């Protein structure tokens, strides 16, 4: 794109648009690049290049270059008609580039005469690894499920067994999603639990993809994923020249040989039909607009899309007497259709979403802009970072609605103020959600300790005067004398990590303590009536019966980690003190025995 004087690229996700925007800014400078999504607009004066979500792409452009990414989404039941419209109508003056799966090859050649097809083979090999239990999955694995509840349940199990997991869902804001991806990429955790949101736009250091489910609700029905959809997700494992693997967990039946062969060879059934909806809307009346949305596809290879969120809202609002009274004339009808484009971020009932659109539209039609007090109240309701994961996710969906409103030209009297306000709130909510997700699904102690152990570096240990042991700043247990007691809250892999890390970190401490103990004064030692020898209050050994009454045997109270010369020094010093005590306090008995 930047090889051309001007250009525009459309991407399937807001997250991906932001990534590409940042990369283009690095190449040509931020003053030359615009970012345009439904919820965000950064448009410098004289910008040469525009990075957009496909929905936010203009229907006409004078740009020299146009690119549309992931064009296979033109077959998607929900969003496909938007991709199809851009594919069919949006052209660069010098070059138009359609990027996507090879499954689109045939349909594009039929619909776009003279199109040139260039293929790029995958450089790494993708292999099926069969079925593995969740607790036996290798490091650097993404576990894929298709509902938030299932994602959270799996992440909770991984936290208990492996120290933690990052979580990625489509409903997360880009800021939260990037923060979660970062804790995986940095190695803080070795597992990522995600929906099919990882299938696009995220470059991840993955070696294995495990499917914990292979059915999803696509907005209309529950169905099995197609081979192409499974392949899109499985293909995140291994990138460029590094091979990857994919498989299933114990919750899913193993893939059959035909499916495995298709995914490994990237050989999928071609897309035969694209979703289509007219872009030639009739705004002469409300009923005319409704009829125009129901226009049938004009050519073979296209099929009329099912009613989208905007069409469903229009159907509901067309039955409202107040709305019908306002929606008269082309401008008012066109404005209603523009209001119906408000995305349903909250995933609520169509009637509820339509009611929200009605409130906005009536303000626009009567006053020319959304009422500031109404806007302020809606934004205020979302402006709190208290609550659990579900509560914060809901608030982010709420504020995204008003971020969208703030970015619609002419909808607000003070548009810039509300853009800044809603963006600030979304950022704070996103940070709070990341913190809650990390707190719930990542055991920081275990993840830090496991990483240190993998790197084979000596963990930093800190021991307080009272014996509290911190390794890398995390509490791992108590050291009393020469005995270490691990934190009792640790279990599973956590306990193992704590134990191993403590052993490594305390090795030098045991040797140093042995030297100090061997050189300590008698005043630092005490032998109690219970037969326990203490060093500055810490139990060091205990006396048990020996062969003679005045020659008890000393048993060290020390971990196996105290070995070799260090253990010999401790034993020798303790025995000298015991002998001194016997010879001093029991001298008459010793003299009697020796007489």
Foldseek 3Di string as FASTA:
>chain_A
DVVFQAEEEAEADLLLLVVVLVVVCVVPNNLQEWEDELQDTDHHPNHRYYRYHLQRDDLEDAAQEYEYEALVCLAAQFCNASSVSCLQGYGHVHYYYYYHAPLAVVLSCVRPPPDDDDDDDFQAFEAAPEEAALLPDDFQEEEEDADPVVLLVSLLVCCQAPFFEQEEEPLADSLLRVLSQVCCQVQLGRYYYYYLPVLDNDQHAHAEYEYADQWYDSVPGIDGDFLLSVLSSRVSHAHRNGYHYYFYYPNDDTDDPVSRVCSRRVPHNHQQAGEHFDPPADQQALVSRLVRRVDADDDGRYGHRDDYLLSLLSVLCVPPPVLRVLSHGSVLSVLLSVLSPQDQSLPDDSNVVSVVSVQLSVCCSPPVARDPVVLVVQLVVLQDQDDALVNLSNSLSSLSSQSSQLPDPRHHPCSVVSNVSSVVSNNVSSVSNSVRSCVSSGNSQLSVLVVCVVVVHQWAWDADPQFFIATVNHTFFGQFQADTDGDPVRDHSRVVSSVVNCLRNCLVVLLVSLVCLLPDDLVQWDQDPQQFIHGVRGTFWGWDDDPDPLDTDIDGPHDPSCDDPSVVSNRVSVNVSSNVCCCVVVVVVVVVVVD
